[in-house]
Amino acid sequence: MMNQHSIQEEIPFSPKDKKKISPCYLYLVLPVYNEEEILEESIGILQDYYAVLMQEGEIREDSRVLLVDDESEDRPWEIIS
């Protein structure tokens, strides 16, 4: 079992060095299948989370969430667009 000291030694950088790493692209691909009831709320949550990650410099501003209609029987594209 590792003690607190050995865990810290395995971390490649300290939190104060974290900003030295360039933000990455984050592309999240989500299949949408009969999600009409929760789609608006889910999109809002993802937009808020992406905004926080961008503000903190964790991800690039041109990161995206891609929604793919997986032959839904409801109306996801009316909600998305």
C-alpha atoms as a PDB file:
ATOM      1  CA  MET A   1       0.000   0.000   0.000  1.00  0.00           C
ATOM      2  CA  MET A   2       1.343   3.445  -0.938  1.00  0.00           C
ATOM      3  CA  ASN A   3       1.629   6.163   1.634  1.00  0.00           C
ATOM      4  CA  GLN A   4       0.805   9.833   0.990  1.00  0.00           C
ATOM      5  CA  HIS A   5       4.427  10.718   0.235  1.00  0.00           C
ATOM      6  CA  SER A   6       4.949   8.068  -2.434  1.00  0.00           C
ATOM      7  CA  ILE A   7       1.691   9.003  -4.218  1.00  0.00           C
ATOM      8  CA  GLN A   8       2.855  12.616  -4.530  1.00  0.00           C
ATOM      9  CA  GLU A   9       6.177  11.486  -5.973  1.00  0.00           C
ATOM     10  CA  GLU A  10       4.349   9.686  -8.803  1.00  0.00           C
ATOM     11  CA  ILE A  11       2.433  12.786  -9.911  1.00  0.00           C
ATOM     12  CA  PRO A  12       4.297  14.173 -12.970  1.00  0.00           C
ATOM     13  CA  PHE A  13       3.614  17.829 -12.119  1.00  0.00           C
ATOM     14  CA  SER A  14       2.362  19.836  -9.189  1.00  0.00           C
ATOM     15  CA  PRO A  15      -0.897  21.815  -9.342  1.00  0.00           C
ATOM     16  CA  LYS A  16       1.006  25.104  -9.626  1.00  0.00           C
ATOM     17  CA  ASP A  17       2.737  23.775 -12.777  1.00  0.00           C
ATOM     18  CA  LYS A  18      -0.565  22.657 -14.294  1.00  0.00           C
ATOM     19  CA  LYS A  19      -1.077  25.828 -16.361  1.00  0.00           C
ATOM     20  CA  LYS A  20       2.175  25.145 -18.236  1.00  0.00           C
ATOM     21  CA  ILE A  21       0.424  22.352 -20.129  1.00  0.00           C
ATOM     22  CA  SER A  22      -1.380  23.473 -23.290  1.00  0.00           C
ATOM     23  CA  PRO A  23      -5.146  23.005 -23.291  1.00  0.00           C
ATOM     24  CA  CYS A  24      -6.360  20.074 -25.366  1.00  0.00           C
ATOM     25  CA  TYR A  25      -9.177  19.680 -27.840  1.00  0.00           C
ATOM     26  CA  LEU A  26     -12.187  17.908 -26.382  1.00  0.00           C
ATOM     27  CA  TYR A  27     -14.653  16.472 -28.861  1.00  0.00           C
ATOM     28  CA  LEU A  28     -17.472  14.540 -27.244  1.00  0.00           C
ATOM     29  CA  VAL A  29     -19.656  12.463 -29.567  1.00  0.00           C
ATOM     30  CA  LEU A  30     -23.039  11.568 -28.102  1.00  0.00           C
ATOM     31  CA  PRO A  31     -25.609   9.338 -29.730  1.00  0.00           C
ATOM     32  CA  VAL A  32     -29.126  10.706 -29.307  1.00  0.00           C
ATOM     33  CA  TYR A  33     -31.832   8.057 -29.247  1.00  0.00           C
ATOM     34  CA  ASN A  34     -35.279   8.937 -27.895  1.00  0.00           C
ATOM     35  CA  GLU A  35     -33.819  11.528 -25.521  1.00  0.00           C
ATOM     36  CA  GLU A  36     -36.408  14.255 -26.125  1.00  0.00           C
ATOM     37  CA  GLU A  37     -37.392  14.534 -22.455  1.00  0.00           C
ATOM     38  CA  ILE A  38     -33.872  15.153 -21.167  1.00  0.00           C
ATOM     39  CA  LEU A  39     -32.062  16.564 -24.198  1.00  0.00           C
ATOM     40  CA  GLU A  40     -32.383  20.288 -23.404  1.00  0.00           C
ATOM     41  CA  GLU A  41     -31.219  19.798 -19.817  1.00  0.00           C
ATOM     42  CA  SER A  42     -28.330  17.552 -20.905  1.00  0.00           C
ATOM     43  CA  ILE A  43     -27.147  20.081 -23.495  1.00  0.00           C
ATOM     44  CA  GLY A  44     -27.277  22.853 -20.890  1.00  0.00           C
ATOM     45  CA  ILE A  45     -25.221  20.830 -18.416  1.00  0.00           C
ATOM     46  CA  LEU A  46     -22.616  20.021 -21.068  1.00  0.00           C
ATOM     47  CA  GLN A  47     -22.406  23.661 -22.207  1.00  0.00           C
ATOM     48  CA  ASP A  48     -21.868  24.813 -18.618  1.00  0.00           C
ATOM     49  CA  TYR A  49     -19.198  22.168 -18.026  1.00  0.00           C
ATOM     50  CA  TYR A  50     -17.377  23.021 -21.252  1.00  0.00           C
ATOM     51  CA  ALA A  51     -17.478  26.722 -20.322  1.00  0.00           C
ATOM     52  CA  VAL A  52     -15.817  25.992 -16.965  1.00  0.00           C
ATOM     53  CA  LEU A  53     -13.140  23.813 -18.585  1.00  0.00           C
ATOM     54  CA  MET A  54     -12.426  26.533 -21.159  1.00  0.00           C
ATOM     55  CA  GLN A  55     -12.279  29.261 -18.524  1.00  0.00           C
ATOM     56  CA  GLU A  56      -9.826  27.196 -16.475  1.00  0.00           C
ATOM     57  CA  GLY A  57      -7.664  26.617 -19.548  1.00  0.00           C
ATOM     58  CA  GLU A  58      -8.198  22.859 -19.474  1.00  0.00           C
ATOM     59  CA  ILE A  59      -9.657  22.632 -22.994  1.00  0.00           C
ATOM     60  CA  ARG A  60      -9.419  24.781 -26.103  1.00  0.00           C
ATOM     61  CA  GLU A  61     -12.256  27.107 -27.044  1.00  0.00           C
ATOM     62  CA  ASP A  62     -12.826  25.238 -30.295  1.00  0.00           C
ATOM     63  CA  SER A  63     -13.733  22.023 -28.443  1.00  0.00           C
ATOM     64  CA  ARG A  64     -17.134  20.617 -29.392  1.00  0.00           C
ATOM     65  CA  VAL A  65     -20.003  18.355 -28.399  1.00  0.00           C
ATOM     66  CA  LEU A  66     -21.306  16.446 -31.408  1.00  0.00           C
ATOM     67  CA  LEU A  67     -24.816  15.025 -31.206  1.00  0.00           C
ATOM     68  CA  VAL A  68     -25.597  12.124 -33.527  1.00  0.00           C
ATOM     69  CA  ASP A  69     -29.208  11.139 -34.188  1.00  0.00           C
ATOM     70  CA  ASP A  70     -29.289   7.392 -33.752  1.00  0.00           C
ATOM     71  CA  GLU A  71     -32.588   6.960 -35.647  1.00  0.00           C
ATOM     72  CA  SER A  72     -34.655   8.435 -32.838  1.00  0.00           C
ATOM     73  CA  GLU A  73     -38.376   8.056 -32.925  1.00  0.00           C
ATOM     74  CA  ASP A  74     -38.867  11.434 -31.239  1.00  0.00           C
ATOM     75  CA  ARG A  75     -37.796  14.932 -32.340  1.00  0.00           C
ATOM     76  CA  PRO A  76     -34.176  15.573 -31.241  1.00  0.00           C
ATOM     77  CA  TRP A  77     -33.253  17.854 -34.164  1.00  0.00           C
ATOM     78  CA  GLU A  78     -36.149  20.209 -33.411  1.00  0.00           C
ATOM     79  CA  ILE A  79     -34.696  20.629 -29.921  1.00  0.00           C
ATOM     80  CA  ILE A  80     -31.061  20.872 -31.015  1.00  0.00           C
ATOM     81  CA  SER A  81     -31.575  23.422 -33.785  1.00  0.00           C
END
